[in-house]
Amino acid sequence: MALLTHIAPHPDALVSRLCDEMVVPPSDPFTADIVCVPTRGIERWLTQRIASELAERGAGDGICANVRFPSPRHLVGSVVSALPGMAEAA
């Protein structure tokens, strides 16, 4: 599993970089991409932008699928709970 972290002051700056990563198919097609977002509104906007940009690149059909959008709190919680010995300490 590869973990890439990109931060920008505005989500527009990240869409192209995100699509650069998503255009390469994963070795396991059932593995979901995980994109951490602060709000559901950003999730909806980003889903539309990903679908549009991948379609423009000829790498998609205008549908954004198999992408999970956890909040920062849920992402950190799931990472911490997956660490050995951390679930009992929390």
N, C-alpha and C. Protein backbone atom coordinates (compact mmCIF):
# COMPACT_ATOMS: atom_id res chain seq x y z
N MET A 1 0.85 -1.17 0.00
CA MET A 1 0.00 0.00 0.00
C MET A 1 0.89 1.23 0.00
N ALA A 2 0.62 2.14 -0.91
CA ALA A 2 1.37 3.39 -0.98
C ALA A 2 0.56 4.50 -0.33
N LEU A 3 1.23 5.31 0.44
CA LEU A 3 0.57 6.44 1.08
C LEU A 3 1.21 7.71 0.55
N LEU A 4 0.43 8.51 -0.10
CA LEU A 4 0.90 9.78 -0.62
C LEU A 4 0.14 10.89 0.07
N THR A 5 0.85 11.89 0.50
CA THR A 5 0.22 13.02 1.16
C THR A 5 0.54 14.28 0.39
N HIS A 6 -0.51 14.96 -0.04
CA HIS A 6 -0.36 16.23 -0.74
C HIS A 6 -1.26 17.24 -0.03
N ILE A 7 -0.73 18.40 0.21
CA ILE A 7 -1.48 19.45 0.89
C ILE A 7 -1.38 20.72 0.06
N ALA A 8 -2.49 21.43 -0.04
CA ALA A 8 -2.51 22.70 -0.77
C ALA A 8 -3.53 23.62 -0.11
N PRO A 9 -3.39 24.93 -0.31
CA PRO A 9 -4.33 25.85 0.31
C PRO A 9 -5.73 25.79 -0.31
N HIS A 10 -5.83 25.29 -1.53
CA HIS A 10 -7.14 25.19 -2.19
C HIS A 10 -7.20 23.87 -2.95
N PRO A 11 -8.34 23.19 -2.93
CA PRO A 11 -8.44 21.88 -3.57
C PRO A 11 -8.21 21.89 -5.08
N ASP A 12 -8.43 23.02 -5.76
CA ASP A 12 -8.16 23.07 -7.20
C ASP A 12 -6.72 22.67 -7.52
N ALA A 13 -5.81 23.06 -6.64
CA ALA A 13 -4.39 22.78 -6.87
C ALA A 13 -4.08 21.29 -6.78
N LEU A 14 -4.94 20.52 -6.13
CA LEU A 14 -4.67 19.11 -5.92
C LEU A 14 -5.34 18.17 -6.92
N VAL A 15 -6.35 18.64 -7.63
CA VAL A 15 -7.12 17.76 -8.52
C VAL A 15 -6.25 17.13 -9.59
N SER A 16 -5.43 17.93 -10.24
CA SER A 16 -4.58 17.40 -11.30
C SER A 16 -3.59 16.38 -10.76
N ARG A 17 -2.99 16.67 -9.62
CA ARG A 17 -2.03 15.72 -9.02
C ARG A 17 -2.73 14.43 -8.61
N LEU A 18 -3.94 14.55 -8.09
CA LEU A 18 -4.70 13.37 -7.70
C LEU A 18 -5.03 12.52 -8.92
N CYS A 19 -5.44 13.16 -10.00
CA CYS A 19 -5.76 12.42 -11.23
C CYS A 19 -4.52 11.77 -11.83
N ASP A 20 -3.35 12.41 -11.66
CA ASP A 20 -2.11 11.78 -12.11
C ASP A 20 -1.91 10.43 -11.43
N GLU A 21 -2.24 10.35 -10.16
CA GLU A 21 -2.12 9.10 -9.41
C GLU A 21 -3.22 8.10 -9.80
N MET A 22 -4.42 8.59 -10.01
CA MET A 22 -5.56 7.71 -10.26
C MET A 22 -5.59 7.16 -11.68
N VAL A 23 -4.89 7.80 -12.60
CA VAL A 23 -4.91 7.34 -13.99
C VAL A 23 -4.16 6.01 -14.14
N VAL A 24 -3.26 5.71 -13.22
CA VAL A 24 -2.52 4.44 -13.23
C VAL A 24 -3.37 3.41 -12.48
N PRO A 25 -3.80 2.34 -13.15
CA PRO A 25 -4.66 1.37 -12.48
C PRO A 25 -3.91 0.62 -11.38
N PRO A 26 -4.57 0.35 -10.26
CA PRO A 26 -3.90 -0.39 -9.18
C PRO A 26 -3.72 -1.86 -9.56
N SER A 27 -2.80 -2.53 -8.90
CA SER A 27 -2.58 -3.94 -9.19
C SER A 27 -3.81 -4.78 -8.82
N ASP A 28 -4.53 -4.36 -7.78
CA ASP A 28 -5.78 -5.02 -7.40
C ASP A 28 -6.93 -4.08 -7.73
N PRO A 29 -7.75 -4.39 -8.72
CA PRO A 29 -8.81 -3.47 -9.13
C PRO A 29 -9.90 -3.27 -8.07
N PHE A 30 -9.91 -4.09 -7.03
CA PHE A 30 -10.91 -3.95 -5.99
C PHE A 30 -10.43 -3.10 -4.81
N THR A 31 -9.19 -2.64 -4.88
CA THR A 31 -8.64 -1.78 -3.84
C THR A 31 -9.12 -0.35 -4.10
N ALA A 32 -9.79 0.22 -3.11
CA ALA A 32 -10.31 1.58 -3.26
C ALA A 32 -9.22 2.61 -3.04
N ASP A 33 -9.30 3.70 -3.77
CA ASP A 33 -8.45 4.85 -3.50
C ASP A 33 -9.05 5.56 -2.29
N ILE A 34 -8.19 6.12 -1.44
CA ILE A 34 -8.65 6.83 -0.26
C ILE A 34 -8.19 8.27 -0.36
N VAL A 35 -9.15 9.19 -0.32
CA VAL A 35 -8.87 10.62 -0.41
C VAL A 35 -9.51 11.27 0.81
N CYS A 36 -8.69 11.81 1.68
CA CYS A 36 -9.18 12.44 2.91
C CYS A 36 -9.69 13.85 2.59
N VAL A 37 -10.92 14.13 3.02
CA VAL A 37 -11.54 15.44 2.76
C VAL A 37 -12.17 15.98 4.04
N PRO A 38 -12.21 17.29 4.21
CA PRO A 38 -12.75 17.87 5.44
C PRO A 38 -14.27 17.89 5.51
N THR A 39 -14.96 17.95 4.37
CA THR A 39 -16.42 18.06 4.39
C THR A 39 -17.04 17.26 3.25
N ARG A 40 -18.33 16.97 3.38
CA ARG A 40 -19.06 16.26 2.32
C ARG A 40 -19.18 17.11 1.06
N GLY A 41 -19.26 18.41 1.23
CA GLY A 41 -19.32 19.29 0.06
C GLY A 41 -18.06 19.18 -0.79
N ILE A 42 -16.91 19.15 -0.14
CA ILE A 42 -15.64 18.97 -0.87
C ILE A 42 -15.63 17.59 -1.52
N GLU A 43 -16.15 16.58 -0.85
CA GLU A 43 -16.22 15.24 -1.43
C GLU A 43 -17.03 15.25 -2.72
N ARG A 44 -18.19 15.87 -2.70
CA ARG A 44 -19.04 15.92 -3.90
C ARG A 44 -18.37 16.68 -5.04
N TRP A 45 -17.79 17.82 -4.69
CA TRP A 45 -17.11 18.64 -5.70
C TRP A 45 -15.95 17.86 -6.29
N LEU A 46 -15.16 17.22 -5.43
CA LEU A 46 -13.99 16.48 -5.88
C LEU A 46 -14.37 15.29 -6.75
N THR A 47 -15.44 14.61 -6.39
CA THR A 47 -15.92 13.48 -7.20
C THR A 47 -16.24 13.93 -8.62
N GLN A 48 -16.92 15.06 -8.75
CA GLN A 48 -17.24 15.59 -10.07
C GLN A 48 -15.99 16.00 -10.83
N ARG A 49 -15.06 16.64 -10.16
CA ARG A 49 -13.82 17.08 -10.81
C ARG A 49 -12.97 15.90 -11.26
N ILE A 50 -12.86 14.87 -10.42
CA ILE A 50 -12.08 13.68 -10.79
C ILE A 50 -12.69 13.03 -12.02
N ALA A 51 -13.99 12.84 -12.01
CA ALA A 51 -14.67 12.21 -13.15
C ALA A 51 -14.45 13.02 -14.42
N SER A 52 -14.59 14.33 -14.34
CA SER A 52 -14.42 15.19 -15.52
C SER A 52 -12.99 15.17 -16.03
N GLU A 53 -12.03 15.30 -15.13
CA GLU A 53 -10.63 15.37 -15.57
C GLU A 53 -10.16 14.04 -16.14
N LEU A 54 -10.54 12.93 -15.52
CA LEU A 54 -10.13 11.63 -16.07
C LEU A 54 -10.77 11.40 -17.43
N ALA A 55 -12.01 11.84 -17.63
CA ALA A 55 -12.66 11.71 -18.93
C ALA A 55 -11.95 12.57 -19.97
N GLU A 56 -11.55 13.78 -19.59
CA GLU A 56 -10.82 14.65 -20.51
C GLU A 56 -9.49 14.04 -20.92
N ARG A 57 -8.87 13.30 -20.03
CA ARG A 57 -7.59 12.65 -20.33
C ARG A 57 -7.78 11.37 -21.13
N GLY A 58 -9.02 10.94 -21.31
CA GLY A 58 -9.29 9.69 -22.01
C GLY A 58 -9.05 8.48 -21.14
N ALA A 59 -8.96 8.69 -19.82
CA ALA A 59 -8.69 7.59 -18.90
C ALA A 59 -9.93 7.17 -18.13
N GLY A 60 -11.05 7.72 -18.48
CA GLY A 60 -12.27 7.38 -17.76
C GLY A 60 -13.47 7.70 -18.60
N ASP A 61 -14.63 7.38 -18.07
CA ASP A 61 -15.87 7.61 -18.81
C ASP A 61 -16.77 8.62 -18.12
N GLY A 62 -16.20 9.44 -17.24
CA GLY A 62 -16.98 10.46 -16.56
C GLY A 62 -17.61 9.98 -15.27
N ILE A 63 -17.13 8.85 -14.76
CA ILE A 63 -17.64 8.31 -13.50
C ILE A 63 -16.47 8.16 -12.53
N CYS A 64 -16.67 8.64 -11.33
CA CYS A 64 -15.68 8.47 -10.27
C CYS A 64 -16.19 7.35 -9.37
N ALA A 65 -15.49 6.23 -9.37
CA ALA A 65 -15.93 5.07 -8.59
C ALA A 65 -14.77 4.45 -7.83
N ASN A 66 -15.11 3.67 -6.80
CA ASN A 66 -14.15 2.96 -5.97
C ASN A 66 -13.16 3.92 -5.29
N VAL A 67 -13.70 5.03 -4.81
CA VAL A 67 -12.92 6.01 -4.07
C VAL A 67 -13.63 6.24 -2.74
N ARG A 68 -12.89 6.11 -1.65
CA ARG A 68 -13.44 6.40 -0.32
C ARG A 68 -12.97 7.78 0.09
N PHE A 69 -13.85 8.53 0.75
CA PHE A 69 -13.55 9.90 1.18
C PHE A 69 -13.76 10.04 2.69
N PRO A 70 -12.87 9.49 3.51
CA PRO A 70 -13.04 9.65 4.95
C PRO A 70 -12.65 11.05 5.41
N SER A 71 -13.20 11.45 6.54
CA SER A 71 -12.78 12.71 7.14
C SER A 71 -11.41 12.50 7.79
N PRO A 72 -10.68 13.57 8.07
CA PRO A 72 -9.39 13.40 8.74
C PRO A 72 -9.50 12.63 10.05
N ARG A 73 -10.54 12.91 10.82
CA ARG A 73 -10.74 12.22 12.10
C ARG A 73 -10.90 10.71 11.90
N HIS A 74 -11.72 10.31 10.93
CA HIS A 74 -11.94 8.89 10.70
C HIS A 74 -10.70 8.21 10.11
N LEU A 75 -9.97 8.90 9.26
CA LEU A 75 -8.77 8.33 8.68
C LEU A 75 -7.72 8.08 9.76
N VAL A 76 -7.47 9.07 10.60
CA VAL A 76 -6.49 8.91 11.67
C VAL A 76 -6.94 7.80 12.63
N GLY A 77 -8.23 7.78 12.97
CA GLY A 77 -8.75 6.75 13.85
C GLY A 77 -8.55 5.35 13.30
N SER A 78 -8.80 5.16 12.01
CA SER A 78 -8.64 3.83 11.43
C SER A 78 -7.17 3.43 11.33
N VAL A 79 -6.29 4.39 11.09
CA VAL A 79 -4.86 4.08 11.05
C VAL A 79 -4.36 3.70 12.43
N VAL A 80 -4.75 4.48 13.45
CA VAL A 80 -4.31 4.19 14.82
C VAL A 80 -4.85 2.84 15.28
N SER A 81 -6.11 2.54 14.99
CA SER A 81 -6.69 1.27 15.43
C SER A 81 -6.07 0.07 14.71
N ALA A 82 -5.46 0.28 13.55
CA ALA A 82 -4.82 -0.80 12.82
C ALA A 82 -3.42 -1.10 13.32
N LEU A 83 -2.85 -0.20 14.12
CA LEU A 83 -1.50 -0.41 14.65
C LEU A 83 -1.55 -1.40 15.80
N PRO A 84 -0.64 -2.37 15.81
CA PRO A 84 -0.63 -3.35 16.90
C PRO A 84 -0.42 -2.66 18.26
N GLY A 85 -1.26 -3.01 19.21
CA GLY A 85 -1.14 -2.46 20.56
C GLY A 85 -1.79 -1.10 20.76
N MET A 86 -2.18 -0.43 19.71
CA MET A 86 -2.74 0.91 19.85
C MET A 86 -4.24 0.86 20.13
N ALA A 87 -4.93 -0.16 19.66
CA ALA A 87 -6.37 -0.24 19.87
C ALA A 87 -6.69 -0.36 21.36
N GLU A 88 -5.86 -1.08 22.12
CA GLU A 88 -6.11 -1.22 23.55
C GLU A 88 -5.79 0.06 24.30
N ALA A 89 -4.82 0.83 23.81
CA ALA A 89 -4.40 2.05 24.50
C ALA A 89 -5.37 3.19 24.29
N ALA A 90 -6.14 3.14 23.20
CA ALA A 90 -7.04 4.26 22.87
C ALA A 90 -8.29 4.28 23.68
